[in-house]
Amino acid sequence: MLRQEGQPAWHALTVRSRHERIAAQSLRSRGLEEFLPLYRSKRAWSDRTKVIDVPLFPGYVFCRFSERERLLAISSPGVTSVVGFGGQDAVVEEQELESVRRMLAAGLAVEPWPYVQAGHAVEVCAGPLSGLRGTVIREKGLWRLIVNVEILQRSVATELERDMVQAIRPYREEFAAAVA
């Protein structure tokens, strides 16, 4: 999607390895709206185990800026480039970022997930994620809601109960659309 001239839009910024927090802080200090989604992960070292906050999308920070503010964003410490295609900055859909925000705010276990295209398209009809749309899969006896961030070709997953969702379209139509 191409942005309209002068209108601030969400973009994915690539950042130096392990510099996500530095880039986010720098963008914030420059007066730009940024979003760095983090999730809790258990990490084990030889002498201890610790739960730490880890970027949900390693190597990326989201930032809302207009064409006028682009240089301000791109020149921030840690930022290497704006994700784009064909010489144009790509715009991240606000609905996708809002879905990720809601998943994080719901207090459920959230984790990165391989990008998903085919599956059942569903809408959550109960609980803290009510109204959220995504893809549902079943893995190891658990139901998971997968939300895609198309521009990054990345996904986020959370566990949920099967009765919390309702199908948007029949599976056959969704599968046919994915194959076509």
N, C-alpha and C. Protein backbone atom coordinates (compact mmCIF):
# COMPACT_ATOMS: atom_id res chain seq x y z
N MET A 1 0.84 -1.17 0.00
CA MET A 1 0.00 0.00 0.00
C MET A 1 0.89 1.24 0.00
N LEU A 2 0.60 2.18 -0.86
CA LEU A 2 1.36 3.42 -0.92
C LEU A 2 0.73 4.45 0.01
N ARG A 3 1.55 5.24 0.66
CA ARG A 3 1.03 6.24 1.58
C ARG A 3 0.66 7.52 0.83
N GLN A 4 -0.26 8.26 1.43
CA GLN A 4 -0.63 9.56 0.87
C GLN A 4 0.38 10.59 1.35
N GLU A 5 0.69 11.51 0.49
CA GLU A 5 1.69 12.55 0.78
C GLU A 5 1.33 13.31 2.06
N GLY A 6 2.30 13.41 2.98
CA GLY A 6 2.13 14.20 4.19
C GLY A 6 1.43 13.51 5.34
N GLN A 7 0.76 12.40 5.09
CA GLN A 7 0.06 11.68 6.15
C GLN A 7 1.01 10.72 6.87
N PRO A 8 1.07 10.79 8.21
CA PRO A 8 1.92 9.83 8.92
C PRO A 8 1.35 8.42 8.77
N ALA A 9 2.23 7.46 8.56
CA ALA A 9 1.82 6.06 8.41
C ALA A 9 2.82 5.20 9.17
N TRP A 10 2.40 4.00 9.51
CA TRP A 10 3.28 3.06 10.20
C TRP A 10 4.21 2.40 9.19
N HIS A 11 5.47 2.29 9.57
CA HIS A 11 6.49 1.65 8.74
C HIS A 11 7.29 0.69 9.61
N ALA A 12 7.86 -0.31 8.97
CA ALA A 12 8.78 -1.21 9.66
C ALA A 12 10.19 -0.73 9.36
N LEU A 13 10.96 -0.51 10.41
CA LEU A 13 12.34 -0.09 10.26
C LEU A 13 13.24 -1.27 10.59
N THR A 14 14.23 -1.52 9.75
CA THR A 14 15.22 -2.54 10.10
C THR A 14 16.26 -1.87 11.00
N VAL A 15 16.71 -2.62 11.99
CA VAL A 15 17.67 -2.08 12.95
C VAL A 15 18.85 -3.04 13.08
N ARG A 16 19.95 -2.52 13.57
CA ARG A 16 21.13 -3.36 13.79
C ARG A 16 20.79 -4.48 14.75
N SER A 17 21.47 -5.59 14.61
CA SER A 17 21.24 -6.75 15.46
C SER A 17 21.32 -6.37 16.93
N ARG A 18 20.31 -6.75 17.68
CA ARG A 18 20.21 -6.52 19.12
C ARG A 18 20.20 -5.04 19.51
N HIS A 19 19.77 -4.18 18.60
CA HIS A 19 19.68 -2.75 18.88
C HIS A 19 18.23 -2.25 18.86
N GLU A 20 17.27 -3.17 19.00
CA GLU A 20 15.86 -2.79 18.91
C GLU A 20 15.48 -1.76 19.98
N ARG A 21 15.88 -2.00 21.22
CA ARG A 21 15.52 -1.09 22.32
C ARG A 21 16.19 0.28 22.14
N ILE A 22 17.44 0.28 21.71
CA ILE A 22 18.16 1.54 21.49
C ILE A 22 17.47 2.35 20.39
N ALA A 23 17.11 1.67 19.30
CA ALA A 23 16.43 2.35 18.19
C ALA A 23 15.07 2.90 18.64
N ALA A 24 14.31 2.09 19.38
CA ALA A 24 12.99 2.53 19.85
C ALA A 24 13.12 3.74 20.76
N GLN A 25 14.05 3.71 21.68
CA GLN A 25 14.26 4.84 22.59
C GLN A 25 14.68 6.09 21.82
N SER A 26 15.54 5.93 20.85
CA SER A 26 16.00 7.05 20.04
C SER A 26 14.85 7.67 19.24
N LEU A 27 14.02 6.83 18.65
CA LEU A 27 12.85 7.32 17.89
C LEU A 27 11.91 8.09 18.82
N ARG A 28 11.67 7.53 20.00
CA ARG A 28 10.79 8.16 20.98
C ARG A 28 11.36 9.52 21.40
N SER A 29 12.68 9.58 21.65
CA SER A 29 13.30 10.83 22.09
C SER A 29 13.27 11.90 20.98
N ARG A 30 13.12 11.49 19.74
CA ARG A 30 13.01 12.43 18.63
C ARG A 30 11.56 12.86 18.36
N GLY A 31 10.66 12.39 19.22
CA GLY A 31 9.26 12.78 19.11
C GLY A 31 8.44 11.95 18.14
N LEU A 32 8.98 10.80 17.71
CA LEU A 32 8.25 9.93 16.80
C LEU A 32 7.55 8.82 17.58
N GLU A 33 6.39 8.40 17.08
CA GLU A 33 5.66 7.31 17.71
C GLU A 33 6.28 6.00 17.25
N GLU A 34 6.70 5.16 18.22
CA GLU A 34 7.33 3.89 17.89
C GLU A 34 6.59 2.76 18.58
N PHE A 35 6.79 1.55 18.09
CA PHE A 35 6.19 0.36 18.68
C PHE A 35 7.20 -0.77 18.59
N LEU A 36 7.65 -1.24 19.74
CA LEU A 36 8.57 -2.37 19.83
C LEU A 36 7.88 -3.45 20.65
N PRO A 37 7.20 -4.41 19.99
CA PRO A 37 6.52 -5.46 20.74
C PRO A 37 7.52 -6.43 21.35
N LEU A 38 7.35 -6.70 22.65
CA LEU A 38 8.23 -7.62 23.38
C LEU A 38 7.39 -8.75 23.95
N TYR A 39 8.00 -9.92 24.09
CA TYR A 39 7.33 -11.04 24.75
C TYR A 39 8.28 -11.64 25.78
N ARG A 40 7.72 -12.36 26.75
CA ARG A 40 8.50 -12.97 27.82
C ARG A 40 9.00 -14.33 27.36
N SER A 41 10.30 -14.57 27.54
CA SER A 41 10.92 -15.82 27.12
C SER A 41 11.83 -16.33 28.22
N LYS A 42 11.76 -17.62 28.47
CA LYS A 42 12.62 -18.23 29.48
C LYS A 42 13.93 -18.60 28.81
N ARG A 43 15.05 -18.11 29.36
CA ARG A 43 16.38 -18.40 28.82
C ARG A 43 17.21 -19.08 29.88
N ALA A 44 17.94 -20.11 29.46
CA ALA A 44 18.77 -20.86 30.40
C ALA A 44 20.24 -20.62 30.10
N TRP A 45 20.98 -20.33 31.16
CA TRP A 45 22.44 -20.23 31.09
C TRP A 45 23.00 -21.39 31.90
N SER A 46 24.28 -21.55 31.89
CA SER A 46 24.89 -22.67 32.61
C SER A 46 24.63 -22.61 34.12
N ASP A 47 24.47 -21.40 34.69
CA ASP A 47 24.31 -21.28 36.13
C ASP A 47 22.91 -20.86 36.59
N ARG A 48 22.02 -20.46 35.67
CA ARG A 48 20.70 -20.01 36.08
C ARG A 48 19.72 -19.99 34.90
N THR A 49 18.46 -19.85 35.23
CA THR A 49 17.39 -19.68 34.25
C THR A 49 16.70 -18.36 34.58
N LYS A 50 16.38 -17.60 33.56
CA LYS A 50 15.81 -16.28 33.76
C LYS A 50 14.73 -16.03 32.72
N VAL A 51 13.70 -15.28 33.09
CA VAL A 51 12.66 -14.86 32.15
C VAL A 51 12.99 -13.43 31.73
N ILE A 52 13.14 -13.22 30.42
CA ILE A 52 13.51 -11.91 29.91
C ILE A 52 12.53 -11.45 28.83
N ASP A 53 12.49 -10.15 28.59
CA ASP A 53 11.68 -9.59 27.51
C ASP A 53 12.52 -9.58 26.24
N VAL A 54 11.97 -10.16 25.18
CA VAL A 54 12.67 -10.32 23.90
C VAL A 54 11.81 -9.71 22.80
N PRO A 55 12.41 -9.04 21.80
CA PRO A 55 11.61 -8.50 20.69
C PRO A 55 10.84 -9.60 19.97
N LEU A 56 9.58 -9.34 19.72
CA LEU A 56 8.72 -10.28 19.00
C LEU A 56 9.14 -10.41 17.54
N PHE A 57 9.69 -9.31 16.99
CA PHE A 57 10.18 -9.29 15.62
C PHE A 57 11.64 -8.83 15.65
N PRO A 58 12.57 -9.76 15.90
CA PRO A 58 13.99 -9.35 16.00
C PRO A 58 14.46 -8.64 14.73
N GLY A 59 15.16 -7.53 14.94
CA GLY A 59 15.69 -6.77 13.80
C GLY A 59 14.77 -5.71 13.26
N TYR A 60 13.58 -5.55 13.89
CA TYR A 60 12.61 -4.57 13.40
C TYR A 60 12.02 -3.75 14.54
N VAL A 61 11.72 -2.49 14.24
CA VAL A 61 10.96 -1.61 15.12
C VAL A 61 9.95 -0.91 14.22
N PHE A 62 8.74 -0.72 14.70
CA PHE A 62 7.72 -0.03 13.94
C PHE A 62 7.72 1.44 14.34
N CYS A 63 7.49 2.31 13.37
CA CYS A 63 7.49 3.75 13.64
C CYS A 63 6.47 4.42 12.72
N ARG A 64 5.72 5.38 13.30
CA ARG A 64 4.76 6.16 12.51
C ARG A 64 5.41 7.50 12.17
N PHE A 65 5.55 7.76 10.88
CA PHE A 65 6.11 9.05 10.46
C PHE A 65 5.58 9.43 9.09
N SER A 66 5.67 10.74 8.80
CA SER A 66 5.26 11.26 7.50
C SER A 66 6.50 11.33 6.61
N GLU A 67 6.32 11.66 5.37
CA GLU A 67 7.44 11.79 4.43
C GLU A 67 8.44 12.84 4.92
N ARG A 68 7.93 13.92 5.53
CA ARG A 68 8.80 14.97 6.07
C ARG A 68 9.67 14.47 7.22
N GLU A 69 9.16 13.50 7.99
CA GLU A 69 9.89 13.00 9.16
C GLU A 69 10.75 11.78 8.85
N ARG A 70 10.77 11.34 7.60
CA ARG A 70 11.49 10.13 7.21
C ARG A 70 12.97 10.21 7.57
N LEU A 71 13.63 11.31 7.27
CA LEU A 71 15.05 11.46 7.56
C LEU A 71 15.32 11.41 9.06
N LEU A 72 14.42 11.98 9.83
CA LEU A 72 14.53 11.95 11.29
C LEU A 72 14.51 10.50 11.79
N ALA A 73 13.64 9.69 11.21
CA ALA A 73 13.52 8.28 11.61
C ALA A 73 14.74 7.48 11.14
N ILE A 74 15.11 7.61 9.90
CA ILE A 74 16.17 6.80 9.31
C ILE A 74 17.55 7.13 9.87
N SER A 75 17.72 8.36 10.39
CA SER A 75 19.02 8.76 10.93
C SER A 75 19.14 8.47 12.43
N SER A 76 18.14 7.83 13.00
CA SER A 76 18.19 7.48 14.43
C SER A 76 19.22 6.39 14.68
N PRO A 77 19.92 6.46 15.81
CA PRO A 77 20.91 5.42 16.13
C PRO A 77 20.29 4.03 16.13
N GLY A 78 20.97 3.09 15.50
CA GLY A 78 20.50 1.71 15.42
C GLY A 78 19.67 1.40 14.21
N VAL A 79 19.02 2.41 13.61
CA VAL A 79 18.15 2.19 12.44
C VAL A 79 19.02 2.08 11.20
N THR A 80 18.75 1.05 10.37
CA THR A 80 19.52 0.87 9.15
C THR A 80 18.73 1.21 7.88
N SER A 81 17.42 0.95 7.87
CA SER A 81 16.63 1.25 6.68
C SER A 81 15.14 1.15 6.98
N VAL A 82 14.35 1.59 6.00
CA VAL A 82 12.90 1.44 6.04
C VAL A 82 12.56 0.28 5.11
N VAL A 83 11.72 -0.64 5.57
CA VAL A 83 11.30 -1.75 4.71
C VAL A 83 10.49 -1.18 3.56
N GLY A 84 10.84 -1.59 2.35
CA GLY A 84 10.14 -1.07 1.18
C GLY A 84 10.27 -2.01 0.00
N PHE A 85 9.55 -1.68 -1.04
CA PHE A 85 9.54 -2.48 -2.26
C PHE A 85 9.54 -1.55 -3.45
N GLY A 86 10.35 -1.84 -4.43
CA GLY A 86 10.40 -1.04 -5.65
C GLY A 86 10.75 0.41 -5.41
N GLY A 87 11.61 0.67 -4.45
CA GLY A 87 12.02 2.03 -4.17
C GLY A 87 11.02 2.84 -3.36
N GLN A 88 9.91 2.24 -2.96
CA GLN A 88 8.89 2.93 -2.16
C GLN A 88 8.86 2.33 -0.76
N ASP A 89 8.76 3.19 0.25
CA ASP A 89 8.59 2.70 1.62
C ASP A 89 7.27 1.96 1.72
N ALA A 90 7.29 0.79 2.33
CA ALA A 90 6.07 0.02 2.51
C ALA A 90 5.37 0.47 3.79
N VAL A 91 4.05 0.50 3.74
CA VAL A 91 3.24 0.90 4.88
C VAL A 91 2.73 -0.35 5.58
N VAL A 92 2.84 -0.36 6.91
CA VAL A 92 2.31 -1.46 7.71
C VAL A 92 0.87 -1.11 8.05
N GLU A 93 -0.03 -2.06 7.85
CA GLU A 93 -1.44 -1.83 8.14
C GLU A 93 -1.63 -1.62 9.65
N GLU A 94 -2.31 -0.55 10.01
CA GLU A 94 -2.53 -0.24 11.42
C GLU A 94 -3.31 -1.34 12.12
N GLN A 95 -4.21 -1.99 11.40
CA GLN A 95 -5.01 -3.08 11.98
C GLN A 95 -4.11 -4.25 12.41
N GLU A 96 -3.07 -4.55 11.64
CA GLU A 96 -2.14 -5.62 12.00
C GLU A 96 -1.40 -5.28 13.29
N LEU A 97 -0.93 -4.05 13.42
CA LEU A 97 -0.23 -3.65 14.64
C LEU A 97 -1.17 -3.61 15.82
N GLU A 98 -2.41 -3.19 15.61
CA GLU A 98 -3.39 -3.17 16.69
C GLU A 98 -3.69 -4.59 17.16
N SER A 99 -3.72 -5.55 16.24
CA SER A 99 -3.93 -6.95 16.62
C SER A 99 -2.79 -7.44 17.50
N VAL A 100 -1.56 -7.11 17.14
CA VAL A 100 -0.40 -7.50 17.94
C VAL A 100 -0.47 -6.84 19.32
N ARG A 101 -0.82 -5.55 19.37
CA ARG A 101 -0.95 -4.84 20.65
C ARG A 101 -1.97 -5.52 21.55
N ARG A 102 -3.11 -5.86 20.97
CA ARG A 102 -4.18 -6.49 21.76
C ARG A 102 -3.76 -7.86 22.27
N MET A 103 -3.03 -8.61 21.46
CA MET A 103 -2.56 -9.92 21.90
C MET A 103 -1.60 -9.76 23.09
N LEU A 104 -0.72 -8.78 23.03
CA LEU A 104 0.23 -8.53 24.12
C LEU A 104 -0.49 -8.03 25.37
N ALA A 105 -1.48 -7.16 25.20
CA ALA A 105 -2.19 -6.57 26.33
C ALA A 105 -3.13 -7.57 27.02
N ALA A 106 -3.52 -8.62 26.32
CA ALA A 106 -4.46 -9.59 26.88
C ALA A 106 -3.85 -10.42 28.01
N GLY A 107 -2.53 -10.39 28.12
CA GLY A 107 -1.88 -11.14 29.19
C GLY A 107 -1.73 -12.62 28.90
N LEU A 108 -2.01 -13.04 27.69
CA LEU A 108 -1.84 -14.43 27.30
C LEU A 108 -0.40 -14.67 26.86
N ALA A 109 0.01 -15.92 26.86
CA ALA A 109 1.36 -16.26 26.39
C ALA A 109 1.41 -16.00 24.89
N VAL A 110 2.34 -15.17 24.46
CA VAL A 110 2.51 -14.80 23.05
C VAL A 110 3.92 -15.19 22.64
N GLU A 111 4.07 -15.63 21.40
CA GLU A 111 5.39 -16.01 20.91
C GLU A 111 5.47 -15.81 19.41
N PRO A 112 6.68 -15.64 18.87
CA PRO A 112 6.82 -15.57 17.41
C PRO A 112 6.37 -16.89 16.80
N TRP A 113 5.93 -16.82 15.56
CA TRP A 113 5.42 -18.01 14.90
C TRP A 113 5.80 -17.95 13.43
N PRO A 114 6.09 -19.09 12.81
CA PRO A 114 6.37 -19.06 11.37
C PRO A 114 5.18 -18.45 10.60
N TYR A 115 5.47 -17.72 9.56
CA TYR A 115 4.45 -17.04 8.78
C TYR A 115 3.44 -18.05 8.24
N VAL A 116 2.15 -17.73 8.36
CA VAL A 116 1.08 -18.64 7.97
C VAL A 116 0.26 -17.99 6.87
N GLN A 117 -0.06 -18.75 5.83
CA GLN A 117 -0.94 -18.24 4.78
C GLN A 117 -2.24 -19.03 4.68
N ALA A 118 -2.14 -20.34 4.64
CA ALA A 118 -3.34 -21.15 4.47
C ALA A 118 -3.82 -21.62 5.83
N GLY A 119 -5.13 -21.74 6.00
CA GLY A 119 -5.71 -22.18 7.26
C GLY A 119 -7.10 -21.62 7.39
N HIS A 120 -7.66 -21.80 8.54
CA HIS A 120 -9.00 -21.29 8.79
C HIS A 120 -8.95 -19.83 9.22
N ALA A 121 -9.63 -18.98 8.47
CA ALA A 121 -9.75 -17.58 8.86
C ALA A 121 -10.84 -17.48 9.91
N VAL A 122 -10.51 -16.89 11.07
CA VAL A 122 -11.46 -16.83 12.17
C VAL A 122 -11.51 -15.44 12.78
N GLU A 123 -12.57 -15.21 13.55
CA GLU A 123 -12.69 -14.01 14.36
C GLU A 123 -12.95 -14.47 15.79
N VAL A 124 -12.24 -13.88 16.74
CA VAL A 124 -12.44 -14.23 18.15
C VAL A 124 -13.75 -13.60 18.61
N CYS A 125 -14.62 -14.42 19.21
CA CYS A 125 -15.94 -13.94 19.61
C CYS A 125 -16.10 -13.85 21.12
N ALA A 126 -15.09 -14.24 21.90
CA ALA A 126 -15.18 -14.18 23.36
C ALA A 126 -13.81 -13.92 23.96
N GLY A 127 -13.81 -13.35 25.14
CA GLY A 127 -12.55 -13.15 25.85
C GLY A 127 -11.90 -11.82 25.53
N PRO A 128 -10.67 -11.62 26.02
CA PRO A 128 -10.00 -10.32 25.87
C PRO A 128 -9.61 -9.99 24.43
N LEU A 129 -9.59 -10.98 23.55
CA LEU A 129 -9.22 -10.74 22.15
C LEU A 129 -10.45 -10.64 21.24
N SER A 130 -11.62 -10.47 21.81
CA SER A 130 -12.86 -10.41 21.05
C SER A 130 -12.77 -9.40 19.91
N GLY A 131 -13.18 -9.83 18.71
CA GLY A 131 -13.15 -8.98 17.52
C GLY A 131 -11.88 -9.12 16.71
N LEU A 132 -10.85 -9.74 17.27
CA LEU A 132 -9.58 -9.92 16.57
C LEU A 132 -9.74 -10.97 15.47
N ARG A 133 -9.12 -10.75 14.32
CA ARG A 133 -9.18 -11.72 13.22
C ARG A 133 -7.81 -12.29 12.97
N GLY A 134 -7.77 -13.56 12.59
CA GLY A 134 -6.52 -14.23 12.30
C GLY A 134 -6.77 -15.60 11.72
N THR A 135 -5.78 -16.45 11.83
CA THR A 135 -5.86 -17.82 11.33
C THR A 135 -5.74 -18.75 12.53
N VAL A 136 -6.53 -19.80 12.55
CA VAL A 136 -6.45 -20.74 13.66
C VAL A 136 -5.82 -22.05 13.18
N ILE A 137 -4.94 -22.59 14.01
CA ILE A 137 -4.34 -23.88 13.72
C ILE A 137 -4.39 -24.72 14.99
N ARG A 138 -4.20 -26.01 14.83
CA ARG A 138 -4.14 -26.91 15.97
C ARG A 138 -2.77 -27.57 15.95
N GLU A 139 -2.05 -27.45 17.08
CA GLU A 139 -0.72 -28.03 17.17
C GLU A 139 -0.56 -28.68 18.54
N LYS A 140 -0.17 -29.94 18.54
CA LYS A 140 0.06 -30.68 19.78
C LYS A 140 -1.14 -30.60 20.71
N GLY A 141 -2.33 -30.69 20.14
CA GLY A 141 -3.55 -30.68 20.94
C GLY A 141 -4.01 -29.30 21.39
N LEU A 142 -3.27 -28.25 21.04
CA LEU A 142 -3.63 -26.90 21.45
C LEU A 142 -4.12 -26.09 20.25
N TRP A 143 -5.11 -25.23 20.48
CA TRP A 143 -5.57 -24.31 19.45
C TRP A 143 -4.77 -23.03 19.56
N ARG A 144 -4.31 -22.53 18.43
CA ARG A 144 -3.53 -21.29 18.41
C ARG A 144 -4.14 -20.33 17.41
N LEU A 145 -4.18 -19.05 17.80
CA LEU A 145 -4.59 -17.98 16.90
C LEU A 145 -3.31 -17.37 16.35
N ILE A 146 -3.22 -17.31 15.03
CA ILE A 146 -2.05 -16.74 14.36
C ILE A 146 -2.47 -15.42 13.72
N VAL A 147 -1.72 -14.36 14.00
CA VAL A 147 -1.94 -13.05 13.39
C VAL A 147 -0.71 -12.72 12.56
N ASN A 148 -0.92 -12.39 11.30
CA ASN A 148 0.18 -12.08 10.39
C ASN A 148 0.49 -10.59 10.37
N VAL A 149 1.77 -10.28 10.21
CA VAL A 149 2.21 -8.93 9.86
C VAL A 149 2.76 -9.08 8.45
N GLU A 150 1.91 -8.79 7.48
CA GLU A 150 2.18 -9.10 6.08
C GLU A 150 3.50 -8.53 5.57
N ILE A 151 3.78 -7.28 5.89
CA ILE A 151 4.94 -6.60 5.34
C ILE A 151 6.25 -7.28 5.74
N LEU A 152 6.29 -7.87 6.94
CA LEU A 152 7.50 -8.54 7.42
C LEU A 152 7.49 -10.04 7.12
N GLN A 153 6.36 -10.55 6.63
CA GLN A 153 6.20 -11.98 6.41
C GLN A 153 6.52 -12.72 7.71
N ARG A 154 5.96 -12.23 8.80
CA ARG A 154 6.12 -12.80 10.14
C ARG A 154 4.74 -12.96 10.76
N SER A 155 4.66 -13.82 11.76
CA SER A 155 3.40 -14.06 12.45
C SER A 155 3.61 -14.11 13.95
N VAL A 156 2.50 -13.95 14.68
CA VAL A 156 2.49 -14.02 16.13
C VAL A 156 1.40 -15.00 16.51
N ALA A 157 1.66 -15.84 17.53
CA ALA A 157 0.70 -16.86 17.94
C ALA A 157 0.36 -16.74 19.41
N THR A 158 -0.88 -17.08 19.76
CA THR A 158 -1.28 -17.21 21.15
C THR A 158 -2.25 -18.37 21.27
N GLU A 159 -2.27 -19.01 22.43
CA GLU A 159 -3.18 -20.12 22.66
C GLU A 159 -4.56 -19.58 22.99
N LEU A 160 -5.59 -20.32 22.59
CA LEU A 160 -6.95 -19.96 22.93
C LEU A 160 -7.82 -21.19 22.94
N GLU A 161 -9.01 -21.05 23.46
CA GLU A 161 -9.97 -22.15 23.47
C GLU A 161 -10.74 -22.16 22.15
N ARG A 162 -11.03 -23.34 21.65
CA ARG A 162 -11.70 -23.49 20.35
C ARG A 162 -13.04 -22.78 20.32
N ASP A 163 -13.77 -22.77 21.45
CA ASP A 163 -15.09 -22.15 21.45
C ASP A 163 -15.04 -20.62 21.52
N MET A 164 -13.84 -20.05 21.53
CA MET A 164 -13.69 -18.59 21.55
C MET A 164 -13.71 -17.99 20.16
N VAL A 165 -13.67 -18.82 19.10
CA VAL A 165 -13.59 -18.30 17.74
C VAL A 165 -14.74 -18.80 16.89
N GLN A 166 -15.01 -18.04 15.83
CA GLN A 166 -15.98 -18.46 14.83
C GLN A 166 -15.36 -18.23 13.45
N ALA A 167 -15.68 -19.11 12.52
CA ALA A 167 -15.11 -19.03 11.18
C ALA A 167 -15.64 -17.80 10.45
N ILE A 168 -14.76 -17.17 9.69
CA ILE A 168 -15.15 -16.03 8.86
C ILE A 168 -15.66 -16.54 7.52
N ARG A 169 -14.88 -17.48 6.93
CA ARG A 169 -15.26 -18.11 5.66
C ARG A 169 -15.04 -19.60 5.80
N PRO A 170 -15.80 -20.39 5.05
CA PRO A 170 -15.52 -21.83 5.09
C PRO A 170 -14.09 -22.12 4.66
N TYR A 171 -13.52 -23.17 5.22
CA TYR A 171 -12.13 -23.54 4.96
C TYR A 171 -11.87 -23.73 3.47
N ARG A 172 -12.77 -24.37 2.76
CA ARG A 172 -12.55 -24.64 1.33
C ARG A 172 -12.37 -23.35 0.54
N GLU A 173 -13.17 -22.33 0.83
CA GLU A 173 -13.02 -21.04 0.15
C GLU A 173 -11.67 -20.41 0.49
N GLU A 174 -11.31 -20.45 1.75
CA GLU A 174 -10.04 -19.86 2.19
C GLU A 174 -8.87 -20.58 1.53
N PHE A 175 -8.93 -21.92 1.50
CA PHE A 175 -7.86 -22.70 0.88
C PHE A 175 -7.78 -22.41 -0.62
N ALA A 176 -8.94 -22.32 -1.27
CA ALA A 176 -8.96 -22.03 -2.70
C ALA A 176 -8.37 -20.66 -2.99
N ALA A 177 -8.68 -19.69 -2.13
CA ALA A 177 -8.13 -18.34 -2.32
C ALA A 177 -6.62 -18.34 -2.12
N ALA A 178 -6.12 -19.14 -1.16
CA ALA A 178 -4.68 -19.19 -0.89
C ALA A 178 -3.93 -19.87 -2.04
N VAL A 179 -4.56 -20.85 -2.67
CA VAL A 179 -3.92 -21.60 -3.75
C VAL A 179 -3.95 -20.79 -5.04
N ALA A 180 -5.04 -20.02 -5.26
CA ALA A 180 -5.21 -19.28 -6.52
C ALA A 180 -4.18 -18.20 -6.71
